Amino acid sequence: MKVFHLHFGKDGGAEKFFVHLVRALAHQGVEQTAVIRRSRAWRPQIEPYARIIESNFRNLSLDRLTLPIRIRNLAERERPDAIMSWVMRAGRLTPRYRHGLTVSRLGDYPSHLDYFKTTEMLVCNTPDIADHVRRIGWTRGVEVISNFTQTDLVPPVPRKTVDTPDNAPVVMTMGRFVKRKGFDTLIEAVAKLPGVFLWIAGDGAERAALETLVRERDMEGRTRFLGWQADTRPFVAAADVFVMPSTHEPLGNVILEAWAQKRPVVTSRAEGPSWFVKEGENGLFADIGNADQFAGAISRILSDPVLAGDLSEGGHATLMRQFSEEATAAAYIDLFRRRP
């Protein structure tokens, strides 16, 4: 089986899942070609598993204008079973293709369907996204195939390497520093919890604003900005509580990563987590933007080891039952076999 991927994302949770899926499909014997932006930090992670073609993917550049033609010619010559676009703008570069399936993978809610004129099948990673595309007029194929993450437990990073006392409670979060990730709410929440340290992995446009808020809340001594990490698992494993405070989150892949390390989770009532997190069974909820509720949920977990253990085990069980690599890879391979 052959698959072409068109992926023009940058850095974040969607890119992590892309890396995971490329590796999982390779383990099942799928031959893959990935067209990606130049100089992606995660390129080395897919190099063993896929042929890589780089593109500037800049509007009005010669590279951007000729890319659809090059992809079409390569596909006509090599005849992959599927051409799969990632992130909505890549859908516009998907050529019309008569030898296999054209697929666009959606991890968010599109505002319109113009991106997908040459797409025969939309893969949505939650049922709510699938319902949304049907509501706005999509009449071709729709499949719901969710994300997965690596499930092996890893040793925690020593806290001294992050300038954190061994006996200090640690709250962790991660993602791209954009407003919808809600990291400002989490800073406000942890500021209400004396002695609790906050680790934030990632980077982005909002970094300066977040650093300013940390100073305003007198949190410099117990906040650690970790930057982008090639492997976040040791940091997640070292935390006492993982928090996802997003105002909008179609799925919430970082929750799956926390469950993989058996960490208790607090999440906002965003779209994705509201689908698979069950209050008191595998996580605790807080209302979007409500720092008091986040602080209260974190405090409950830190003060109740039995609750923390129950949430950790419940989350891990949900992960293994609903979001396994084997099931997800098999679902994609089955889809790719459906030739038009």
C-alpha atoms as a PDB file:
ATOM      1  CA  MET A   1       0.000   0.000   0.000  1.00  0.00           C
ATOM      2  CA  LYS A   2       1.176   3.537  -0.842  1.00  0.00           C
ATOM      3  CA  VAL A   3      -0.001   6.805   0.732  1.00  0.00           C
ATOM      4  CA  PHE A   4       0.928  10.420  -0.045  1.00  0.00           C
ATOM      5  CA  HIS A   5       0.601  12.940   2.815  1.00  0.00           C
ATOM      6  CA  LEU A   6       0.290  16.700   2.226  1.00  0.00           C
ATOM      7  CA  HIS A   7       1.074  18.377   5.540  1.00  0.00           C
ATOM      8  CA  PHE A   8       1.802  22.093   5.877  1.00  0.00           C
ATOM      9  CA  GLY A   9       1.368  22.532   9.614  1.00  0.00           C
ATOM     10  CA  LYS A  10       4.041  23.975  11.867  1.00  0.00           C
ATOM     11  CA  ASP A  11       4.428  22.752  15.461  1.00  0.00           C
ATOM     12  CA  GLY A  12       1.803  21.509  17.874  1.00  0.00           C
ATOM     13  CA  GLY A  13      -0.505  18.656  18.788  1.00  0.00           C
ATOM     14  CA  ALA A  14      -1.652  17.991  15.206  1.00  0.00           C
ATOM     15  CA  GLU A  15       1.951  17.621  14.128  1.00  0.00           C
ATOM     16  CA  LYS A  16       2.640  15.208  16.982  1.00  0.00           C
ATOM     17  CA  PHE A  17      -0.217  13.025  15.843  1.00  0.00           C
ATOM     18  CA  PHE A  18       1.009  13.186  12.242  1.00  0.00           C
ATOM     19  CA  VAL A  19       4.386  11.848  13.392  1.00  0.00           C
ATOM     20  CA  HIS A  20       2.671   9.084  15.388  1.00  0.00           C
ATOM     21  CA  LEU A  21       0.466   8.026  12.477  1.00  0.00           C
ATOM     22  CA  VAL A  22       3.294   7.984   9.922  1.00  0.00           C
ATOM     23  CA  ARG A  23       5.248   5.700  12.224  1.00  0.00           C
ATOM     24  CA  ALA A  24       2.228   3.479  12.949  1.00  0.00           C
ATOM     25  CA  LEU A  25       1.398   3.059   9.249  1.00  0.00           C
ATOM     26  CA  ALA A  26       5.036   2.247   8.483  1.00  0.00           C
ATOM     27  CA  HIS A  27       4.907  -0.494  11.118  1.00  0.00           C
ATOM     28  CA  GLN A  28       1.997  -1.958   9.130  1.00  0.00           C
ATOM     29  CA  GLY A  29       4.040  -1.938   5.919  1.00  0.00           C
ATOM     30  CA  VAL A  30       2.561   1.174   4.300  1.00  0.00           C
ATOM     31  CA  GLU A  31       4.937   2.988   1.899  1.00  0.00           C
ATOM     32  CA  GLN A  32       4.621   6.745   2.494  1.00  0.00           C
ATOM     33  CA  THR A  33       5.605  10.045   0.904  1.00  0.00           C
ATOM     34  CA  ALA A  34       5.213  13.236   2.979  1.00  0.00           C
ATOM     35  CA  VAL A  35       5.143  16.727   1.446  1.00  0.00           C
ATOM     36  CA  ILE A  36       5.917  19.164   4.292  1.00  0.00           C
ATOM     37  CA  ARG A  37       7.156  22.683   4.960  1.00  0.00           C
ATOM     38  CA  ARG A  38      10.885  23.239   5.026  1.00  0.00           C
ATOM     39  CA  SER A  39      12.869  23.049   8.275  1.00  0.00           C
ATOM     40  CA  ARG A  40      10.211  21.402  10.427  1.00  0.00           C
ATOM     41  CA  ALA A  41      11.615  20.430  13.832  1.00  0.00           C
ATOM     42  CA  TRP A  42       9.793  17.096  13.659  1.00  0.00           C
ATOM     43  CA  ARG A  43      11.189  16.097  10.249  1.00  0.00           C
ATOM     44  CA  PRO A  44      13.846  13.771  11.783  1.00  0.00           C
ATOM     45  CA  GLN A  45      11.076  11.835  13.534  1.00  0.00           C
ATOM     46  CA  ILE A  46       9.422  10.816  10.239  1.00  0.00           C
ATOM     47  CA  GLU A  47      12.568  10.411   8.118  1.00  0.00           C
ATOM     48  CA  PRO A  48      12.933   6.678   8.932  1.00  0.00           C
ATOM     49  CA  TYR A  49       9.358   6.027   7.824  1.00  0.00           C
ATOM     50  CA  ALA A  50       8.591   8.201   4.794  1.00  0.00           C
ATOM     51  CA  ARG A  51      10.141   9.781   1.741  1.00  0.00           C
ATOM     52  CA  ILE A  52      10.114  13.529   2.371  1.00  0.00           C
ATOM     53  CA  ILE A  53       9.518  16.302  -0.148  1.00  0.00           C
ATOM     54  CA  GLU A  54       9.914  19.853   1.173  1.00  0.00           C
ATOM     55  CA  SER A  55       8.058  22.925  -0.057  1.00  0.00           C
ATOM     56  CA  ASN A  56       8.170  26.575   0.941  1.00  0.00           C
ATOM     57  CA  PHE A  57       4.364  26.650   0.711  1.00  0.00           C
ATOM     58  CA  ARG A  58       4.287  30.436   0.557  1.00  0.00           C
ATOM     59  CA  ASN A  59       1.499  32.247  -1.250  1.00  0.00           C
ATOM     60  CA  LEU A  60       2.472  33.750  -4.620  1.00  0.00           C
ATOM     61  CA  SER A  61       5.822  31.938  -4.679  1.00  0.00           C
ATOM     62  CA  LEU A  62       6.833  29.887  -7.728  1.00  0.00           C
ATOM     63  CA  ASP A  63       7.173  26.870  -5.432  1.00  0.00           C
ATOM     64  CA  ARG A  64       3.593  27.318  -4.222  1.00  0.00           C
ATOM     65  CA  LEU A  65       2.222  27.686  -7.750  1.00  0.00           C
ATOM     66  CA  THR A  66       3.954  24.623  -9.167  1.00  0.00           C
ATOM     67  CA  LEU A  67       3.445  22.341  -6.161  1.00  0.00           C
ATOM     68  CA  PRO A  68      -0.031  21.039  -7.156  1.00  0.00           C
ATOM     69  CA  ILE A  69       1.286  20.152 -10.606  1.00  0.00           C
ATOM     70  CA  ARG A  70       4.292  18.335  -9.159  1.00  0.00           C
ATOM     71  CA  ILE A  71       2.090  16.400  -6.722  1.00  0.00           C
ATOM     72  CA  ARG A  72      -0.337  15.440  -9.493  1.00  0.00           C
ATOM     73  CA  ASN A  73       2.424  14.264 -11.829  1.00  0.00           C
ATOM     74  CA  LEU A  74       4.111  12.254  -9.064  1.00  0.00           C
ATOM     75  CA  ALA A  75       0.793  10.652  -8.088  1.00  0.00           C
ATOM     76  CA  GLU A  76      -0.026   9.752 -11.699  1.00  0.00           C
ATOM     77  CA  ARG A  77       3.375   8.116 -12.032  1.00  0.00           C
ATOM     78  CA  GLU A  78       3.450   6.227  -8.709  1.00  0.00           C
ATOM     79  CA  ARG A  79      -0.297   5.665  -8.202  1.00  0.00           C
ATOM     80  CA  PRO A  80      -0.666   5.725  -4.393  1.00  0.00           C
ATOM     81  CA  ASP A  81      -3.744   4.133  -2.891  1.00  0.00           C
ATOM     82  CA  ALA A  82      -4.595   7.424  -1.168  1.00  0.00           C
ATOM     83  CA  ILE A  83      -3.607  11.094  -1.116  1.00  0.00           C
ATOM     84  CA  MET A  84      -4.246  12.527   2.327  1.00  0.00           C
ATOM     85  CA  SER A  85      -4.171  16.237   3.173  1.00  0.00           C
ATOM     86  CA  TRP A  86      -3.594  17.528   6.693  1.00  0.00           C
ATOM     87  CA  VAL A  87      -4.799  20.936   7.915  1.00  0.00           C
ATOM     88  CA  MET A  88      -7.404  22.662   5.818  1.00  0.00           C
ATOM     89  CA  ARG A  89      -5.220  24.716   3.481  1.00  0.00           C
ATOM     90  CA  ALA A  90      -3.443  21.589   2.279  1.00  0.00           C
ATOM     91  CA  GLY A  91      -6.794  20.366   0.969  1.00  0.00           C
ATOM     92  CA  ARG A  92      -6.642  22.996  -1.754  1.00  0.00           C
ATOM     93  CA  LEU A  93      -3.457  21.421  -3.104  1.00  0.00           C
ATOM     94  CA  THR A  94      -4.939  17.933  -3.401  1.00  0.00           C
ATOM     95  CA  PRO A  95      -5.078  17.078  -7.119  1.00  0.00           C
ATOM     96  CA  ARG A  96      -7.990  15.411  -8.810  1.00  0.00           C
ATOM     97  CA  TYR A  97      -6.959  11.789  -8.781  1.00  0.00           C
ATOM     98  CA  ARG A  98      -8.482   8.756 -10.520  1.00  0.00           C
ATOM     99  CA  HIS A  99      -6.310   5.906  -9.224  1.00  0.00           C
ATOM    100  CA  GLY A 100      -7.086   6.037  -5.497  1.00  0.00           C
ATOM    101  CA  LEU A 101      -8.879   7.859  -2.689  1.00  0.00           C
ATOM    102  CA  THR A 102      -8.426  11.537  -1.836  1.00  0.00           C
ATOM    103  CA  VAL A 103      -8.785  12.145   1.899  1.00  0.00           C
ATOM    104  CA  SER A 104      -8.684  15.271   4.058  1.00  0.00           C
ATOM    105  CA  ARG A 105      -8.129  14.845   7.777  1.00  0.00           C
ATOM    106  CA  LEU A 106      -9.911  17.344  10.037  1.00  0.00           C
ATOM    107  CA  GLY A 107      -8.848  18.031  13.579  1.00  0.00           C
ATOM    108  CA  ASP A 108     -10.926  21.209  13.814  1.00  0.00           C
ATOM    109  CA  TYR A 109     -14.193  22.750  12.648  1.00  0.00           C
ATOM    110  CA  PRO A 110     -13.993  24.251   9.127  1.00  0.00           C
ATOM    111  CA  SER A 111     -16.000  27.401   8.517  1.00  0.00           C
ATOM    112  CA  HIS A 112     -16.643  26.404   4.889  1.00  0.00           C
ATOM    113  CA  LEU A 113     -15.985  23.542   2.505  1.00  0.00           C
ATOM    114  CA  ASP A 114     -14.097  25.347  -0.278  1.00  0.00           C
ATOM    115  CA  TYR A 115     -10.852  23.672   0.821  1.00  0.00           C
ATOM    116  CA  PHE A 116     -12.128  20.236  -0.153  1.00  0.00           C
ATOM    117  CA  LYS A 117     -13.302  20.479  -3.765  1.00  0.00           C
ATOM    118  CA  THR A 118     -11.127  17.525  -4.815  1.00  0.00           C
ATOM    119  CA  THR A 119     -11.612  15.513  -1.607  1.00  0.00           C
ATOM    120  CA  GLU A 120     -13.748  12.367  -1.663  1.00  0.00           C
ATOM    121  CA  MET A 121     -13.576  11.520   2.051  1.00  0.00           C
ATOM    122  CA  LEU A 122     -13.310  13.673   5.175  1.00  0.00           C
ATOM    123  CA  VAL A 123     -11.763  12.009   8.226  1.00  0.00           C
ATOM    124  CA  CYS A 124     -12.899  13.766  11.409  1.00  0.00           C
ATOM    125  CA  ASN A 125     -11.271  13.021  14.731  1.00  0.00           C
ATOM    126  CA  THR A 126     -14.461  13.513  16.753  1.00  0.00           C
ATOM    127  CA  PRO A 127     -18.158  12.808  16.077  1.00  0.00           C
ATOM    128  CA  ASP A 128     -18.973  16.486  16.655  1.00  0.00           C
ATOM    129  CA  ILE A 129     -16.703  17.613  13.811  1.00  0.00           C
ATOM    130  CA  ALA A 130     -18.366  15.023  11.550  1.00  0.00           C
ATOM    131  CA  ASP A 131     -21.804  16.382  12.493  1.00  0.00           C
ATOM    132  CA  HIS A 132     -20.569  19.924  11.841  1.00  0.00           C
ATOM    133  CA  VAL A 133     -19.367  19.271   8.279  1.00  0.00           C
ATOM    134  CA  ARG A 134     -22.663  17.585   7.445  1.00  0.00           C
ATOM    135  CA  ARG A 135     -24.567  20.574   8.859  1.00  0.00           C
ATOM    136  CA  ILE A 136     -22.686  23.010   6.607  1.00  0.00           C
ATOM    137  CA  GLY A 137     -23.392  20.998   3.491  1.00  0.00           C
ATOM    138  CA  TRP A 138     -20.899  18.146   3.057  1.00  0.00           C
ATOM    139  CA  THR A 139     -22.538  15.290   1.119  1.00  0.00           C
ATOM    140  CA  ARG A 140     -19.588  13.036   0.286  1.00  0.00           C
ATOM    141  CA  GLY A 141     -17.935  10.469   2.544  1.00  0.00           C
ATOM    142  CA  VAL A 142     -17.289  11.060   6.258  1.00  0.00           C
ATOM    143  CA  GLU A 143     -15.383   8.817   8.672  1.00  0.00           C
ATOM    144  CA  VAL A 144     -14.670   9.350  12.380  1.00  0.00           C
ATOM    145  CA  ILE A 145     -11.176   8.118  13.258  1.00  0.00           C
ATOM    146  CA  SER A 146      -9.732   9.552  16.442  1.00  0.00           C
ATOM    147  CA  ASN A 147      -6.147  10.199  17.498  1.00  0.00           C
ATOM    148  CA  PHE A 148      -3.863   7.982  19.517  1.00  0.00           C
ATOM    149  CA  THR A 149      -0.604   8.546  21.347  1.00  0.00           C
ATOM    150  CA  GLN A 150       2.349   6.499  22.515  1.00  0.00           C
ATOM    151  CA  THR A 151       1.265   4.452  25.498  1.00  0.00           C
ATOM    152  CA  ASP A 152       4.544   3.224  26.988  1.00  0.00           C
ATOM    153  CA  LEU A 153       5.406   4.597  30.421  1.00  0.00           C
ATOM    154  CA  VAL A 154       8.692   6.523  30.621  1.00  0.00           C
ATOM    155  CA  PRO A 155      10.852   7.541  33.604  1.00  0.00           C
ATOM    156  CA  PRO A 156      10.079  11.039  34.904  1.00  0.00           C
ATOM    157  CA  VAL A 157      12.606  13.796  34.347  1.00  0.00           C
ATOM    158  CA  PRO A 158      14.455  14.702  37.578  1.00  0.00           C
ATOM    159  CA  ARG A 159      12.810  17.835  38.912  1.00  0.00           C
ATOM    160  CA  LYS A 160      16.156  19.445  39.689  1.00  0.00           C
ATOM    161  CA  THR A 161      16.800  19.661  35.933  1.00  0.00           C
ATOM    162  CA  VAL A 162      13.823  22.039  35.766  1.00  0.00           C
ATOM    163  CA  ASP A 163      14.882  23.962  38.899  1.00  0.00           C
ATOM    164  CA  THR A 164      11.984  22.556  40.910  1.00  0.00           C
ATOM    165  CA  PRO A 165      12.128  21.121  44.451  1.00  0.00           C
ATOM    166  CA  ASP A 166      11.469  17.396  44.666  1.00  0.00           C
ATOM    167  CA  ASN A 167       8.729  17.870  47.256  1.00  0.00           C
ATOM    168  CA  ALA A 168       6.875  20.671  45.428  1.00  0.00           C
ATOM    169  CA  PRO A 169       3.494  19.879  43.835  1.00  0.00           C
ATOM    170  CA  VAL A 170       3.804  20.296  40.040  1.00  0.00           C
ATOM    171  CA  VAL A 171       1.049  21.176  37.587  1.00  0.00           C
ATOM    172  CA  MET A 172       1.888  20.767  33.900  1.00  0.00           C
ATOM    173  CA  THR A 173       0.388  21.880  30.606  1.00  0.00           C
ATOM    174  CA  MET A 174       1.649  22.122  27.036  1.00  0.00           C
ATOM    175  CA  GLY A 175       0.831  23.386  23.570  1.00  0.00           C
ATOM    176  CA  ARG A 176       1.257  26.282  21.200  1.00  0.00           C
ATOM    177  CA  PHE A 177       1.164  29.666  22.936  1.00  0.00           C
ATOM    178  CA  VAL A 178      -2.006  31.059  21.385  1.00  0.00           C
ATOM    179  CA  LYS A 179      -4.968  32.616  23.170  1.00  0.00           C
ATOM    180  CA  ARG A 180      -7.353  29.703  22.679  1.00  0.00           C
ATOM    181  CA  LYS A 181      -5.083  27.399  24.698  1.00  0.00           C
ATOM    182  CA  GLY A 182      -6.141  29.255  27.854  1.00  0.00           C
ATOM    183  CA  PHE A 183      -2.722  29.260  29.528  1.00  0.00           C
ATOM    184  CA  ASP A 184      -3.507  32.648  31.061  1.00  0.00           C
ATOM    185  CA  THR A 185      -6.392  31.051  32.981  1.00  0.00           C
ATOM    186  CA  LEU A 186      -4.099  28.316  34.265  1.00  0.00           C
ATOM    187  CA  ILE A 187      -1.502  30.858  35.439  1.00  0.00           C
ATOM    188  CA  GLU A 188      -4.267  32.695  37.311  1.00  0.00           C
ATOM    189  CA  ALA A 189      -5.416  29.398  38.844  1.00  0.00           C
ATOM    190  CA  VAL A 190      -1.995  28.234  40.030  1.00  0.00           C
ATOM    191  CA  ALA A 191      -1.329  31.704  41.455  1.00  0.00           C
ATOM    192  CA  LYS A 192      -4.142  30.900  43.912  1.00  0.00           C
ATOM    193  CA  LEU A 193      -2.333  27.742  45.096  1.00  0.00           C
ATOM    194  CA  PRO A 194       0.663  28.667  47.291  1.00  0.00           C
ATOM    195  CA  GLY A 195       3.720  26.465  46.826  1.00  0.00           C
ATOM    196  CA  VAL A 196       2.462  24.799  43.636  1.00  0.00           C
ATOM    197  CA  PHE A 197       4.815  24.910  40.643  1.00  0.00           C
ATOM    198  CA  LEU A 198       3.651  25.308  37.048  1.00  0.00           C
ATOM    199  CA  TRP A 199       5.462  23.801  34.043  1.00  0.00           C
ATOM    200  CA  ILE A 200       4.446  25.015  30.586  1.00  0.00           C
ATOM    201  CA  ALA A 201       5.929  23.248  27.558  1.00  0.00           C
ATOM    202  CA  GLY A 202       5.679  24.897  24.152  1.00  0.00           C
ATOM    203  CA  ASP A 203       6.123  28.332  22.628  1.00  0.00           C
ATOM    204  CA  GLY A 204       4.395  30.802  20.357  1.00  0.00           C
ATOM    205  CA  ALA A 205       3.084  34.282  19.779  1.00  0.00           C
ATOM    206  CA  GLU A 206       1.598  34.710  23.273  1.00  0.00           C
ATOM    207  CA  ARG A 207       4.821  33.964  25.156  1.00  0.00           C
ATOM    208  CA  ALA A 208       5.575  37.590  26.058  1.00  0.00           C
ATOM    209  CA  ALA A 209       2.013  38.109  27.326  1.00  0.00           C
ATOM    210  CA  LEU A 210       2.184  34.950  29.439  1.00  0.00           C
ATOM    211  CA  GLU A 211       5.556  35.943  30.893  1.00  0.00           C
ATOM    212  CA  THR A 212       4.107  39.353  31.783  1.00  0.00           C
ATOM    213  CA  LEU A 213       1.150  37.721  33.531  1.00  0.00           C
ATOM    214  CA  VAL A 214       3.523  35.456  35.481  1.00  0.00           C
ATOM    215  CA  ARG A 215       5.392  38.543  36.734  1.00  0.00           C
ATOM    216  CA  GLU A 216       2.161  40.381  37.585  1.00  0.00           C
ATOM    217  CA  ARG A 217       0.969  37.421  39.670  1.00  0.00           C
ATOM    218  CA  ASP A 218       4.351  37.102  41.394  1.00  0.00           C
ATOM    219  CA  MET A 219       4.759  33.616  39.915  1.00  0.00           C
ATOM    220  CA  GLU A 220       8.320  33.851  38.526  1.00  0.00           C
ATOM    221  CA  GLY A 221       9.723  31.701  41.334  1.00  0.00           C
ATOM    222  CA  ARG A 222       7.417  28.774  40.618  1.00  0.00           C
ATOM    223  CA  THR A 223       6.715  28.904  36.869  1.00  0.00           C
ATOM    224  CA  ARG A 224       8.954  27.122  34.371  1.00  0.00           C
ATOM    225  CA  PHE A 225       8.695  27.707  30.623  1.00  0.00           C
ATOM    226  CA  LEU A 226      10.107  24.514  29.128  1.00  0.00           C
ATOM    227  CA  GLY A 227      10.067  25.482  25.426  1.00  0.00           C
ATOM    228  CA  TRP A 228       9.366  22.927  22.719  1.00  0.00           C
ATOM    229  CA  GLN A 229      10.492  19.464  23.774  1.00  0.00           C
ATOM    230  CA  ALA A 230      11.168  16.658  21.295  1.00  0.00           C
ATOM    231  CA  ASP A 231       9.737  14.278  23.889  1.00  0.00           C
ATOM    232  CA  THR A 232       7.381  15.736  26.479  1.00  0.00           C
ATOM    233  CA  ARG A 233       6.603  12.396  28.129  1.00  0.00           C
ATOM    234  CA  PRO A 234       9.301  12.547  30.854  1.00  0.00           C
ATOM    235  CA  PHE A 235       8.018  15.984  31.896  1.00  0.00           C
ATOM    236  CA  VAL A 236       4.401  14.815  31.947  1.00  0.00           C
ATOM    237  CA  ALA A 237       5.445  11.758  33.973  1.00  0.00           C
ATOM    238  CA  ALA A 238       7.111  14.019  36.565  1.00  0.00           C
ATOM    239  CA  ALA A 239       4.015  16.180  37.149  1.00  0.00           C
ATOM    240  CA  ASP A 240       1.376  15.632  39.815  1.00  0.00           C
ATOM    241  CA  VAL A 241      -1.520  17.003  37.761  1.00  0.00           C
ATOM    242  CA  PHE A 242      -1.918  17.680  34.040  1.00  0.00           C
ATOM    243  CA  VAL A 243      -4.243  20.519  33.010  1.00  0.00           C
ATOM    244  CA  MET A 244      -5.757  21.380  29.630  1.00  0.00           C
ATOM    245  CA  PRO A 245      -7.359  24.845  29.990  1.00  0.00           C
ATOM    246  CA  SER A 246      -8.272  25.516  26.321  1.00  0.00           C
ATOM    247  CA  THR A 247     -11.228  27.687  25.370  1.00  0.00           C
ATOM    248  CA  HIS A 248     -11.611  25.698  22.146  1.00  0.00           C
ATOM    249  CA  GLU A 249     -10.237  22.195  21.604  1.00  0.00           C
ATOM    250  CA  PRO A 250     -11.696  19.826  18.999  1.00  0.00           C
ATOM    251  CA  LEU A 251     -10.112  16.768  20.641  1.00  0.00           C
ATOM    252  CA  GLY A 252      -7.384  17.456  23.222  1.00  0.00           C
ATOM    253  CA  ASN A 253      -4.573  15.096  22.273  1.00  0.00           C
ATOM    254  CA  VAL A 254      -2.487  16.318  25.223  1.00  0.00           C
ATOM    255  CA  ILE A 255      -4.986  14.659  27.554  1.00  0.00           C
ATOM    256  CA  LEU A 256      -4.248  11.327  25.887  1.00  0.00           C
ATOM    257  CA  GLU A 257      -0.536  11.936  26.436  1.00  0.00           C
ATOM    258  CA  ALA A 258      -1.151  12.613  30.116  1.00  0.00           C
ATOM    259  CA  TRP A 259      -3.266   9.466  30.443  1.00  0.00           C
ATOM    260  CA  ALA A 260      -0.464   7.474  28.788  1.00  0.00           C
ATOM    261  CA  GLN A 261       1.792   8.467  31.709  1.00  0.00           C
ATOM    262  CA  LYS A 262      -1.006   7.761  34.219  1.00  0.00           C
ATOM    263  CA  ARG A 263      -1.336  11.382  35.305  1.00  0.00           C
ATOM    264  CA  PRO A 264      -4.634  12.763  36.684  1.00  0.00           C
ATOM    265  CA  VAL A 265      -6.207  15.350  34.389  1.00  0.00           C
ATOM    266  CA  VAL A 266      -8.163  18.569  34.829  1.00  0.00           C
ATOM    267  CA  THR A 267      -9.698  19.939  31.626  1.00  0.00           C
ATOM    268  CA  SER A 268     -11.932  22.741  30.459  1.00  0.00           C
ATOM    269  CA  ARG A 269     -15.371  21.915  29.125  1.00  0.00           C
ATOM    270  CA  ALA A 270     -14.163  22.345  25.543  1.00  0.00           C
ATOM    271  CA  GLU A 271     -15.742  20.389  22.690  1.00  0.00           C
ATOM    272  CA  GLY A 272     -13.355  17.433  22.448  1.00  0.00           C
ATOM    273  CA  PRO A 273     -12.862  16.624  26.140  1.00  0.00           C
ATOM    274  CA  SER A 274     -16.619  16.890  26.693  1.00  0.00           C
ATOM    275  CA  TRP A 275     -16.917  13.860  24.392  1.00  0.00           C
ATOM    276  CA  PHE A 276     -14.533  11.446  26.120  1.00  0.00           C
ATOM    277  CA  VAL A 277     -13.749  12.757  29.627  1.00  0.00           C
ATOM    278  CA  LYS A 278     -16.145  11.553  32.341  1.00  0.00           C
ATOM    279  CA  GLU A 279     -16.294  13.691  35.468  1.00  0.00           C
ATOM    280  CA  GLY A 280     -14.829  11.887  38.460  1.00  0.00           C
ATOM    281  CA  GLU A 281     -14.018   8.739  36.442  1.00  0.00           C
ATOM    282  CA  ASN A 282     -11.059   9.767  34.266  1.00  0.00           C
ATOM    283  CA  GLY A 283     -10.771  13.510  34.888  1.00  0.00           C
ATOM    284  CA  LEU A 284     -12.214  16.637  36.455  1.00  0.00           C
ATOM    285  CA  PHE A 285     -13.834  19.518  34.576  1.00  0.00           C
ATOM    286  CA  ALA A 286     -13.675  23.275  35.050  1.00  0.00           C
ATOM    287  CA  ASP A 287     -15.673  25.874  33.153  1.00  0.00           C
ATOM    288  CA  ILE A 288     -13.818  27.619  30.341  1.00  0.00           C
ATOM    289  CA  GLY A 289     -11.932  30.663  31.631  1.00  0.00           C
ATOM    290  CA  ASN A 290     -12.854  30.030  35.290  1.00  0.00           C
ATOM    291  CA  ALA A 291      -9.576  30.222  37.233  1.00  0.00           C
ATOM    292  CA  ASP A 292     -11.325  29.546  40.559  1.00  0.00           C
ATOM    293  CA  GLN A 293     -12.767  26.257  39.298  1.00  0.00           C
ATOM    294  CA  PHE A 294      -9.418  25.189  37.855  1.00  0.00           C
ATOM    295  CA  ALA A 295      -7.714  26.001  41.151  1.00  0.00           C
ATOM    296  CA  GLY A 296     -10.362  24.058  43.055  1.00  0.00           C
ATOM    297  CA  ALA A 297     -10.066  20.966  40.841  1.00  0.00           C
ATOM    298  CA  ILE A 298      -6.253  20.989  41.034  1.00  0.00           C
ATOM    299  CA  SER A 299      -6.412  21.379  44.809  1.00  0.00           C
ATOM    300  CA  ARG A 300      -8.828  18.425  45.119  1.00  0.00           C
ATOM    301  CA  ILE A 301      -6.404  16.143  43.304  1.00  0.00           C
ATOM    302  CA  LEU A 302      -3.325  17.339  45.181  1.00  0.00           C
ATOM    303  CA  SER A 303      -5.022  16.831  48.532  1.00  0.00           C
ATOM    304  CA  ASP A 304      -6.595  13.428  47.782  1.00  0.00           C
ATOM    305  CA  PRO A 305      -4.168  10.665  46.698  1.00  0.00           C
ATOM    306  CA  VAL A 306      -7.040   8.182  46.310  1.00  0.00           C
ATOM    307  CA  LEU A 307      -8.869  10.478  43.895  1.00  0.00           C
ATOM    308  CA  ALA A 308      -5.624  11.147  42.007  1.00  0.00           C
ATOM    309  CA  GLY A 309      -5.015   7.409  41.642  1.00  0.00           C
ATOM    310  CA  ASP A 310      -8.573   6.673  40.536  1.00  0.00           C
ATOM    311  CA  LEU A 311      -8.485   9.398  37.879  1.00  0.00           C
ATOM    312  CA  SER A 312      -5.095   8.205  36.644  1.00  0.00           C
ATOM    313  CA  GLU A 313      -6.230   4.602  36.291  1.00  0.00           C
ATOM    314  CA  GLY A 314      -9.538   5.630  34.735  1.00  0.00           C
ATOM    315  CA  GLY A 315      -7.790   7.810  32.172  1.00  0.00           C
ATOM    316  CA  HIS A 316      -5.308   5.106  31.258  1.00  0.00           C
ATOM    317  CA  ALA A 317      -8.095   2.568  30.830  1.00  0.00           C
ATOM    318  CA  THR A 318      -9.993   4.955  28.524  1.00  0.00           C
ATOM    319  CA  LEU A 319      -6.844   5.522  26.482  1.00  0.00           C
ATOM    320  CA  MET A 320      -6.178   1.832  25.965  1.00  0.00           C
ATOM    321  CA  ARG A 321      -9.805   1.043  25.170  1.00  0.00           C
ATOM    322  CA  GLN A 322     -10.645   3.960  22.878  1.00  0.00           C
ATOM    323  CA  PHE A 323      -7.442   5.478  21.506  1.00  0.00           C
ATOM    324  CA  SER A 324      -4.989   2.650  20.752  1.00  0.00           C
ATOM    325  CA  GLU A 325      -2.408   2.804  17.950  1.00  0.00           C
ATOM    326  CA  GLU A 326      -3.435  -0.576  16.557  1.00  0.00           C
ATOM    327  CA  ALA A 327      -7.117   0.315  16.194  1.00  0.00           C
ATOM    328  CA  THR A 328      -6.409   3.715  14.645  1.00  0.00           C
ATOM    329  CA  ALA A 329      -3.838   2.448  12.132  1.00  0.00           C
ATOM    330  CA  ALA A 330      -6.171  -0.391  11.119  1.00  0.00           C
ATOM    331  CA  ALA A 331      -9.038   2.072  10.581  1.00  0.00           C
ATOM    332  CA  TYR A 332      -6.913   4.229   8.270  1.00  0.00           C
ATOM    333  CA  ILE A 333      -5.634   1.243   6.289  1.00  0.00           C
ATOM    334  CA  ASP A 334      -9.199  -0.003   5.847  1.00  0.00           C
ATOM    335  CA  LEU A 335     -10.194   3.443   4.618  1.00  0.00           C
ATOM    336  CA  PHE A 336      -7.311   3.662   2.135  1.00  0.00           C
ATOM    337  CA  ARG A 337      -8.432   0.375   0.568  1.00  0.00           C
ATOM    338  CA  ARG A 338     -11.748   1.932  -0.455  1.00  0.00           C
ATOM    339  CA  ARG A 339     -10.802   2.922  -3.973  1.00  0.00           C
ATOM    340  CA  PRO A 340     -13.296   5.175  -5.764  1.00  0.00           C
END
